[in-house]
Amino acid sequence: MPKGKGGKHQKRKKRDADADGRELIFKEEGQDYAIVMKMLGGGRLDAYCMDGKRRICHIRGRLRRIRLHVGDLVLISVRPFQTDKADVLHKYLPDEMRALQKYNEITDISTIIDQQSGLDFAPEGEEEGEEMSEVDEGDLDAL
């Protein structure tokens, strides 16, 4: 006789039902909202904070089970002794992001991602105004 519904799919449904009733968490003193810009590995990520700074963030042990992706909104706690580093406290769902925008806690995230992603892909050694010099065919023959 079967003892219950069992199976991992039933357990997953039960866990997801609890996520819908989550309470919206606002930032407190020493905390800030940030957007994940790059996953670094080793439980770390590069985040762009709403105060205009980029920080290396450490993912807490409890949040390592939750999947974080580029473009996700997270709540971070800035370290008082290392202002360029922070700890990830909470990941916001898309519905929660829209609610934070309604309360004017955060600005439009898509524009921030577009602005910041352009900074990451500049080739090394090349400034924004510089252009690469063209190579003459005579130079190639000399090699």
N, C-alpha and C. Protein backbone atom coordinates (compact mmCIF):
# COMPACT_ATOMS: atom_id res chain seq x y z
N MET A 1 0.83 -1.20 0.00
CA MET A 1 0.00 0.00 0.00
C MET A 1 0.87 1.25 0.00
N PRO A 2 0.50 2.22 -0.83
CA PRO A 2 1.27 3.47 -0.84
C PRO A 2 1.08 4.24 0.47
N LYS A 3 2.18 4.80 0.94
CA LYS A 3 2.14 5.54 2.21
C LYS A 3 1.89 7.03 2.01
N GLY A 4 2.13 7.53 0.84
CA GLY A 4 1.94 8.96 0.59
C GLY A 4 2.12 9.25 -0.88
N LYS A 5 2.03 10.51 -1.22
CA LYS A 5 2.19 10.87 -2.62
C LYS A 5 3.64 10.73 -3.05
N GLY A 6 4.58 11.11 -2.21
CA GLY A 6 6.00 10.88 -2.42
C GLY A 6 6.54 11.48 -3.71
N GLY A 7 7.82 11.25 -3.90
CA GLY A 7 8.47 11.73 -5.11
C GLY A 7 8.97 13.16 -4.98
N LYS A 8 10.03 13.46 -5.71
CA LYS A 8 10.62 14.79 -5.60
C LYS A 8 9.74 15.88 -6.20
N HIS A 9 8.88 15.53 -7.15
CA HIS A 9 8.02 16.54 -7.76
C HIS A 9 6.98 17.05 -6.77
N GLN A 10 6.46 16.19 -5.95
CA GLN A 10 5.49 16.62 -4.94
C GLN A 10 6.16 17.52 -3.90
N LYS A 11 7.38 17.17 -3.54
CA LYS A 11 8.10 17.99 -2.57
C LYS A 11 8.40 19.37 -3.14
N ARG A 12 8.76 19.44 -4.41
CA ARG A 12 9.06 20.70 -5.06
C ARG A 12 7.81 21.59 -5.10
N LYS A 13 6.66 21.01 -5.40
CA LYS A 13 5.42 21.79 -5.44
C LYS A 13 5.11 22.38 -4.09
N LYS A 14 5.34 21.61 -3.05
CA LYS A 14 5.06 22.09 -1.71
C LYS A 14 5.98 23.27 -1.37
N ARG A 15 7.25 23.19 -1.74
CA ARG A 15 8.20 24.25 -1.45
C ARG A 15 7.87 25.52 -2.24
N ASP A 16 7.48 25.38 -3.51
CA ASP A 16 7.16 26.53 -4.35
C ASP A 16 5.91 27.25 -3.87
N ALA A 17 4.99 26.53 -3.25
CA ALA A 17 3.77 27.16 -2.75
C ALA A 17 4.09 28.13 -1.62
N ASP A 18 5.14 27.83 -0.84
CA ASP A 18 5.53 28.73 0.24
C ASP A 18 6.16 30.01 -0.29
N ALA A 19 6.78 29.96 -1.47
CA ALA A 19 7.46 31.13 -2.03
C ALA A 19 6.46 32.21 -2.43
N ASP A 20 5.24 31.84 -2.79
CA ASP A 20 4.25 32.84 -3.21
C ASP A 20 3.82 33.74 -2.06
N GLY A 21 3.87 33.26 -0.85
CA GLY A 21 3.42 34.04 0.29
C GLY A 21 4.54 34.77 1.01
N ARG A 22 5.68 35.01 0.32
CA ARG A 22 6.81 35.66 0.96
C ARG A 22 6.52 37.12 1.25
N GLU A 23 7.08 37.59 2.33
CA GLU A 23 6.94 39.00 2.70
C GLU A 23 8.06 39.79 2.04
N LEU A 24 7.74 40.98 1.56
CA LEU A 24 8.71 41.83 0.88
C LEU A 24 9.70 42.39 1.90
N ILE A 25 10.98 42.22 1.63
CA ILE A 25 12.03 42.65 2.54
C ILE A 25 12.64 43.94 2.00
N PHE A 26 12.65 45.00 2.82
CA PHE A 26 13.24 46.27 2.44
C PHE A 26 14.63 46.38 3.06
N LYS A 27 15.47 47.24 2.47
CA LYS A 27 16.82 47.39 3.00
C LYS A 27 16.81 48.18 4.31
N GLU A 28 17.79 47.88 5.14
CA GLU A 28 17.97 48.58 6.40
C GLU A 28 19.33 49.28 6.37
N GLU A 29 19.73 49.85 7.49
CA GLU A 29 21.00 50.54 7.56
C GLU A 29 22.15 49.53 7.37
N GLY A 30 23.09 49.87 6.51
CA GLY A 30 24.21 48.99 6.23
C GLY A 30 23.92 47.99 5.12
N GLN A 31 22.72 48.05 4.54
CA GLN A 31 22.33 47.14 3.46
C GLN A 31 22.05 47.95 2.21
N ASP A 32 22.07 47.28 1.06
CA ASP A 32 21.80 47.95 -0.21
C ASP A 32 21.27 46.93 -1.21
N TYR A 33 20.59 47.42 -2.24
CA TYR A 33 20.14 46.57 -3.33
C TYR A 33 21.25 46.51 -4.37
N ALA A 34 21.40 45.35 -5.02
CA ALA A 34 22.44 45.19 -6.03
C ALA A 34 21.95 44.28 -7.14
N ILE A 35 22.56 44.44 -8.31
CA ILE A 35 22.25 43.61 -9.47
C ILE A 35 23.46 42.73 -9.75
N VAL A 36 23.24 41.45 -9.94
CA VAL A 36 24.32 40.52 -10.24
C VAL A 36 24.82 40.80 -11.65
N MET A 37 26.10 41.14 -11.77
CA MET A 37 26.69 41.43 -13.07
C MET A 37 27.50 40.26 -13.61
N LYS A 38 28.12 39.48 -12.71
CA LYS A 38 28.96 38.37 -13.15
C LYS A 38 29.11 37.37 -12.03
N MET A 39 28.99 36.09 -12.36
CA MET A 39 29.22 35.02 -11.40
C MET A 39 30.70 34.68 -11.44
N LEU A 40 31.37 34.73 -10.29
CA LEU A 40 32.82 34.54 -10.24
C LEU A 40 33.22 33.12 -9.85
N GLY A 41 32.34 32.37 -9.23
CA GLY A 41 32.68 31.03 -8.77
C GLY A 41 33.19 31.07 -7.34
N GLY A 42 33.21 29.93 -6.71
CA GLY A 42 33.69 29.87 -5.33
C GLY A 42 32.77 30.57 -4.36
N GLY A 43 31.48 30.67 -4.70
CA GLY A 43 30.54 31.33 -3.81
C GLY A 43 30.64 32.85 -3.84
N ARG A 44 31.14 33.40 -4.93
CA ARG A 44 31.28 34.85 -5.04
C ARG A 44 30.64 35.34 -6.32
N LEU A 45 30.32 36.63 -6.34
CA LEU A 45 29.76 37.26 -7.53
C LEU A 45 30.14 38.72 -7.56
N ASP A 46 30.08 39.30 -8.75
CA ASP A 46 30.35 40.72 -8.94
C ASP A 46 28.99 41.40 -9.06
N ALA A 47 28.75 42.42 -8.25
CA ALA A 47 27.44 43.07 -8.23
C ALA A 47 27.59 44.58 -8.36
N TYR A 48 26.61 45.19 -9.03
CA TYR A 48 26.53 46.64 -9.15
C TYR A 48 25.48 47.12 -8.16
N CYS A 49 25.90 47.90 -7.17
CA CYS A 49 25.00 48.36 -6.12
C CYS A 49 24.28 49.63 -6.55
N MET A 50 23.15 49.90 -5.92
CA MET A 50 22.35 51.07 -6.26
C MET A 50 23.01 52.37 -5.84
N ASP A 51 24.07 52.31 -5.02
CA ASP A 51 24.80 53.53 -4.68
C ASP A 51 25.87 53.86 -5.71
N GLY A 52 25.96 53.06 -6.80
CA GLY A 52 26.86 53.36 -7.89
C GLY A 52 28.21 52.67 -7.83
N LYS A 53 28.41 51.76 -6.88
CA LYS A 53 29.69 51.07 -6.75
C LYS A 53 29.54 49.61 -7.15
N ARG A 54 30.64 49.05 -7.64
CA ARG A 54 30.69 47.61 -7.93
C ARG A 54 31.41 46.94 -6.77
N ARG A 55 30.86 45.84 -6.31
CA ARG A 55 31.43 45.13 -5.17
C ARG A 55 31.51 43.63 -5.46
N ILE A 56 32.49 42.99 -4.84
CA ILE A 56 32.60 41.55 -4.84
C ILE A 56 31.76 41.07 -3.66
N CYS A 57 30.81 40.19 -3.93
CA CYS A 57 29.90 39.73 -2.88
C CYS A 57 30.09 38.25 -2.61
N HIS A 58 30.02 37.88 -1.36
CA HIS A 58 30.11 36.49 -0.93
C HIS A 58 28.69 35.96 -0.72
N ILE A 59 28.41 34.78 -1.27
CA ILE A 59 27.08 34.19 -1.13
C ILE A 59 27.06 33.37 0.16
N ARG A 60 26.13 33.69 1.04
CA ARG A 60 26.01 32.96 2.30
C ARG A 60 25.69 31.50 2.05
N GLY A 61 25.98 30.67 3.04
CA GLY A 61 25.78 29.23 2.91
C GLY A 61 24.35 28.84 2.60
N ARG A 62 23.38 29.51 3.22
CA ARG A 62 21.97 29.18 3.00
C ARG A 62 21.53 29.53 1.58
N LEU A 63 22.11 30.58 1.02
CA LEU A 63 21.72 31.02 -0.32
C LEU A 63 22.46 30.29 -1.43
N ARG A 64 23.44 29.46 -1.09
CA ARG A 64 24.15 28.72 -2.13
C ARG A 64 23.25 27.71 -2.82
N ARG A 65 22.19 27.27 -2.14
CA ARG A 65 21.25 26.32 -2.74
C ARG A 65 20.34 27.00 -3.75
N ILE A 66 20.15 28.31 -3.62
CA ILE A 66 19.29 29.07 -4.52
C ILE A 66 20.13 29.49 -5.73
N ARG A 67 19.58 29.30 -6.91
CA ARG A 67 20.31 29.65 -8.13
C ARG A 67 20.29 31.16 -8.34
N LEU A 68 21.48 31.74 -8.46
CA LEU A 68 21.64 33.15 -8.78
C LEU A 68 22.15 33.26 -10.21
N HIS A 69 21.60 34.21 -10.96
CA HIS A 69 21.98 34.40 -12.36
C HIS A 69 22.29 35.87 -12.60
N VAL A 70 22.95 36.14 -13.71
CA VAL A 70 23.26 37.52 -14.09
C VAL A 70 21.94 38.27 -14.31
N GLY A 71 21.82 39.45 -13.73
CA GLY A 71 20.61 40.26 -13.86
C GLY A 71 19.66 40.13 -12.69
N ASP A 72 19.93 39.23 -11.74
CA ASP A 72 19.06 39.07 -10.58
C ASP A 72 19.28 40.23 -9.61
N LEU A 73 18.22 40.59 -8.91
CA LEU A 73 18.30 41.62 -7.88
C LEU A 73 18.48 40.94 -6.54
N VAL A 74 19.47 41.40 -5.77
CA VAL A 74 19.76 40.82 -4.47
C VAL A 74 19.88 41.92 -3.42
N LEU A 75 19.70 41.53 -2.18
CA LEU A 75 19.92 42.43 -1.05
C LEU A 75 21.27 42.06 -0.46
N ILE A 76 22.15 43.05 -0.31
CA ILE A 76 23.48 42.78 0.21
C ILE A 76 23.72 43.56 1.49
N SER A 77 24.64 43.06 2.28
CA SER A 77 25.07 43.74 3.49
C SER A 77 26.51 44.17 3.27
N VAL A 78 26.75 45.47 3.27
CA VAL A 78 28.09 46.01 3.03
C VAL A 78 28.91 45.83 4.30
N ARG A 79 30.12 45.32 4.12
CA ARG A 79 31.01 45.12 5.27
C ARG A 79 31.55 46.46 5.74
N PRO A 80 31.46 46.76 7.04
CA PRO A 80 31.94 48.07 7.51
C PRO A 80 33.46 48.21 7.43
N PHE A 81 34.21 47.11 7.47
CA PHE A 81 35.66 47.17 7.47
C PHE A 81 36.24 47.00 6.07
N GLN A 82 35.43 46.53 5.11
CA GLN A 82 35.86 46.41 3.71
C GLN A 82 34.71 46.92 2.85
N THR A 83 34.77 48.17 2.45
CA THR A 83 33.64 48.76 1.72
C THR A 83 33.53 48.26 0.30
N ASP A 84 34.58 47.61 -0.23
CA ASP A 84 34.50 47.08 -1.59
C ASP A 84 33.99 45.64 -1.62
N LYS A 85 33.64 45.08 -0.46
CA LYS A 85 33.12 43.72 -0.38
C LYS A 85 31.80 43.72 0.38
N ALA A 86 30.97 42.69 0.09
CA ALA A 86 29.66 42.61 0.74
C ALA A 86 29.23 41.14 0.81
N ASP A 87 28.13 40.90 1.50
CA ASP A 87 27.56 39.56 1.64
C ASP A 87 26.13 39.57 1.10
N VAL A 88 25.76 38.54 0.35
CA VAL A 88 24.41 38.44 -0.21
C VAL A 88 23.48 37.91 0.87
N LEU A 89 22.38 38.62 1.11
CA LEU A 89 21.43 38.23 2.14
C LEU A 89 20.14 37.62 1.60
N HIS A 90 19.70 38.12 0.42
CA HIS A 90 18.38 37.72 -0.08
C HIS A 90 18.32 37.91 -1.59
N LYS A 91 17.63 36.99 -2.27
CA LYS A 91 17.39 37.12 -3.70
C LYS A 91 15.92 37.48 -3.91
N TYR A 92 15.67 38.50 -4.74
CA TYR A 92 14.30 38.93 -5.02
C TYR A 92 13.76 38.22 -6.25
N LEU A 93 12.50 37.86 -6.19
CA LEU A 93 11.79 37.29 -7.33
C LEU A 93 11.35 38.41 -8.26
N PRO A 94 10.99 38.11 -9.51
CA PRO A 94 10.56 39.18 -10.44
C PRO A 94 9.36 39.99 -9.93
N ASP A 95 8.41 39.34 -9.27
CA ASP A 95 7.26 40.07 -8.72
C ASP A 95 7.71 41.03 -7.62
N GLU A 96 8.67 40.61 -6.83
CA GLU A 96 9.17 41.46 -5.76
C GLU A 96 9.96 42.64 -6.32
N MET A 97 10.65 42.43 -7.45
CA MET A 97 11.37 43.54 -8.09
C MET A 97 10.39 44.62 -8.56
N ARG A 98 9.28 44.18 -9.16
CA ARG A 98 8.27 45.15 -9.61
C ARG A 98 7.67 45.89 -8.42
N ALA A 99 7.46 45.20 -7.31
CA ALA A 99 6.92 45.85 -6.12
C ALA A 99 7.90 46.89 -5.57
N LEU A 100 9.19 46.58 -5.58
CA LEU A 100 10.19 47.54 -5.12
C LEU A 100 10.24 48.77 -6.03
N GLN A 101 10.02 48.57 -7.33
CA GLN A 101 9.97 49.70 -8.24
C GLN A 101 8.75 50.56 -7.97
N LYS A 102 7.63 49.96 -7.60
CA LYS A 102 6.42 50.72 -7.26
C LYS A 102 6.65 51.59 -6.04
N TYR A 103 7.39 51.03 -5.05
CA TYR A 103 7.67 51.78 -3.83
C TYR A 103 8.84 52.76 -3.99
N ASN A 104 9.38 52.88 -5.22
CA ASN A 104 10.52 53.76 -5.53
C ASN A 104 11.75 53.43 -4.68
N GLU A 105 11.94 52.16 -4.37
CA GLU A 105 13.14 51.72 -3.66
C GLU A 105 14.29 51.53 -4.65
N ILE A 106 13.98 51.10 -5.88
CA ILE A 106 15.00 50.87 -6.90
C ILE A 106 14.58 51.56 -8.19
N THR A 107 15.59 51.77 -9.07
CA THR A 107 15.31 52.34 -10.39
C THR A 107 15.11 51.20 -11.38
N ASP A 108 14.92 51.54 -12.65
CA ASP A 108 14.71 50.53 -13.67
C ASP A 108 15.99 49.70 -13.85
N ILE A 109 15.88 48.41 -13.67
CA ILE A 109 17.04 47.53 -13.67
C ILE A 109 17.60 47.32 -15.06
N SER A 110 16.75 47.26 -16.07
CA SER A 110 17.23 46.97 -17.43
C SER A 110 18.18 48.06 -17.93
N THR A 111 17.93 49.32 -17.60
CA THR A 111 18.84 50.39 -18.04
C THR A 111 20.19 50.29 -17.34
N ILE A 112 20.18 49.88 -16.08
CA ILE A 112 21.44 49.74 -15.34
C ILE A 112 22.28 48.62 -15.93
N ILE A 113 21.64 47.51 -16.26
CA ILE A 113 22.36 46.38 -16.84
C ILE A 113 22.97 46.77 -18.18
N ASP A 114 22.22 47.51 -19.01
CA ASP A 114 22.74 47.93 -20.31
C ASP A 114 23.93 48.87 -20.15
N GLN A 115 23.86 49.79 -19.18
CA GLN A 115 24.95 50.73 -18.97
C GLN A 115 26.20 50.02 -18.47
N GLN A 116 26.04 49.10 -17.54
CA GLN A 116 27.18 48.43 -16.93
C GLN A 116 27.77 47.35 -17.82
N SER A 117 26.96 46.71 -18.63
CA SER A 117 27.50 45.63 -19.46
C SER A 117 28.42 46.18 -20.54
N GLY A 118 28.25 47.41 -20.96
CA GLY A 118 29.14 48.00 -21.94
C GLY A 118 30.54 48.23 -21.39
N LEU A 119 30.68 48.38 -20.08
CA LEU A 119 31.98 48.61 -19.48
C LEU A 119 32.83 47.35 -19.44
N ASP A 120 32.20 46.19 -19.38
CA ASP A 120 32.94 44.95 -19.19
C ASP A 120 33.63 44.45 -20.45
N PHE A 121 33.14 44.81 -21.62
CA PHE A 121 33.61 44.20 -22.83
C PHE A 121 34.61 45.03 -23.62
N ALA A 122 35.20 46.07 -23.02
CA ALA A 122 36.22 46.87 -23.71
C ALA A 122 37.52 46.07 -23.74
N PRO A 123 38.15 45.93 -24.91
CA PRO A 123 39.40 45.17 -24.99
C PRO A 123 40.49 45.81 -24.14
N GLU A 124 41.38 44.98 -23.61
CA GLU A 124 42.46 45.49 -22.76
C GLU A 124 43.43 46.31 -23.59
N GLY A 125 43.94 47.38 -23.01
CA GLY A 125 44.93 48.21 -23.67
C GLY A 125 44.33 49.18 -24.67
N GLU A 126 43.03 49.17 -24.85
CA GLU A 126 42.39 50.06 -25.81
C GLU A 126 41.47 51.01 -25.07
N GLU A 127 41.69 52.28 -25.24
CA GLU A 127 40.83 53.29 -24.64
C GLU A 127 39.57 53.45 -25.47
N GLU A 128 38.59 54.16 -24.92
CA GLU A 128 37.33 54.34 -25.65
C GLU A 128 37.51 55.14 -26.93
N GLY A 129 38.37 56.18 -26.93
CA GLY A 129 38.53 57.04 -28.09
C GLY A 129 39.55 56.53 -29.09
N GLU A 130 40.39 55.56 -28.69
CA GLU A 130 41.44 55.07 -29.58
C GLU A 130 40.89 54.06 -30.57
N GLU A 131 41.53 54.02 -31.73
CA GLU A 131 41.21 53.00 -32.71
C GLU A 131 42.45 52.18 -32.96
N MET A 132 42.28 50.94 -33.32
CA MET A 132 43.43 50.09 -33.61
C MET A 132 44.02 50.49 -34.95
N SER A 133 45.35 50.50 -35.04
CA SER A 133 46.00 50.86 -36.31
C SER A 133 45.93 49.67 -37.26
N GLU A 134 45.82 50.00 -38.53
CA GLU A 134 45.75 48.95 -39.53
C GLU A 134 47.15 48.48 -39.87
N VAL A 135 47.27 47.23 -40.26
CA VAL A 135 48.56 46.65 -40.60
C VAL A 135 48.71 46.68 -42.11
N ASP A 136 49.87 47.18 -42.58
CA ASP A 136 50.15 47.22 -44.01
C ASP A 136 50.54 45.83 -44.49
N GLU A 137 50.30 45.55 -45.77
CA GLU A 137 50.66 44.26 -46.33
C GLU A 137 52.17 44.09 -46.37
N GLY A 138 52.91 45.17 -46.51
CA GLY A 138 54.37 45.11 -46.52
C GLY A 138 54.91 44.65 -45.18
N ASP A 139 54.24 45.02 -44.09
CA ASP A 139 54.66 44.59 -42.76
C ASP A 139 54.51 43.07 -42.62
N LEU A 140 53.47 42.53 -43.22
CA LEU A 140 53.25 41.08 -43.13
C LEU A 140 54.30 40.31 -43.92
N ASP A 141 54.76 40.87 -45.06
CA ASP A 141 55.77 40.20 -45.86
C ASP A 141 57.12 40.17 -45.12
N ALA A 142 57.38 41.18 -44.32
CA ALA A 142 58.65 41.25 -43.59
C ALA A 142 58.72 40.17 -42.52
N LEU A 143 57.59 39.72 -42.05
CA LEU A 143 57.58 38.67 -41.02
C LEU A 143 57.85 37.36 -41.67
